[in-house]
């Protein structure tokens, strides 16, 4: 009798263990089903394309400002139509191309980061399934995790701008303005940077005294 009781208890324990394992397997399968849904790949592709467009718009806006600043700077310096203008515009074009490459790299990087976040969420939920997360909650939490990851990725893109791609050209215009202001200040003082009178007649007259 005792041996039969132990055998029954052992079978019951094995049956319970098999049920638990089946539940774990079902929950993990539900998680993988949500994360492996082809729609997620489409969502990531859409996110990458939207991110690429966001950075491209930022780049184009910056270029418009840089074009204007460069044009004004060259005009103030009397360099319109000269070799300096050709050189500056060529450099601006190269900088724009580099900016496009940077925008593409950042867009692809954002997509890769989103995929990494998804995979981390998947592994976390699979571990929870091992600890008893049922299949219904596993599916629900998986969907919520995907949504949260996408929202975080979008927020990160907005916060992570390209930076000042055309700084050197904006500084070119600022430097022209600074030089012009310095020349005006010197002219207004009546003396050059060495302390000599600017007006030749005054210099000659003073020397005669």
Foldseek 3Di string as FASTA:
>chain_A
DVVVVVVVVVVVVVVVVVVLVVQLVLQLVLLCCLLVPVVLVVVLVVQLVVLLVVQLVVLVVLLVVLVVLLVLLCVLVVNPPHPVSVVVVVVSVVLSVVSNVVSNVVSVVLSVVLVVQLVVQSVVLSVVSNVPDGNVVSNVVSVVSNVVSSVVSVVVSVVDHSPNSSVVSNVSSVVSVVVVVVVVVCVVVQAHPVRHGPDPVVVVVVVVD
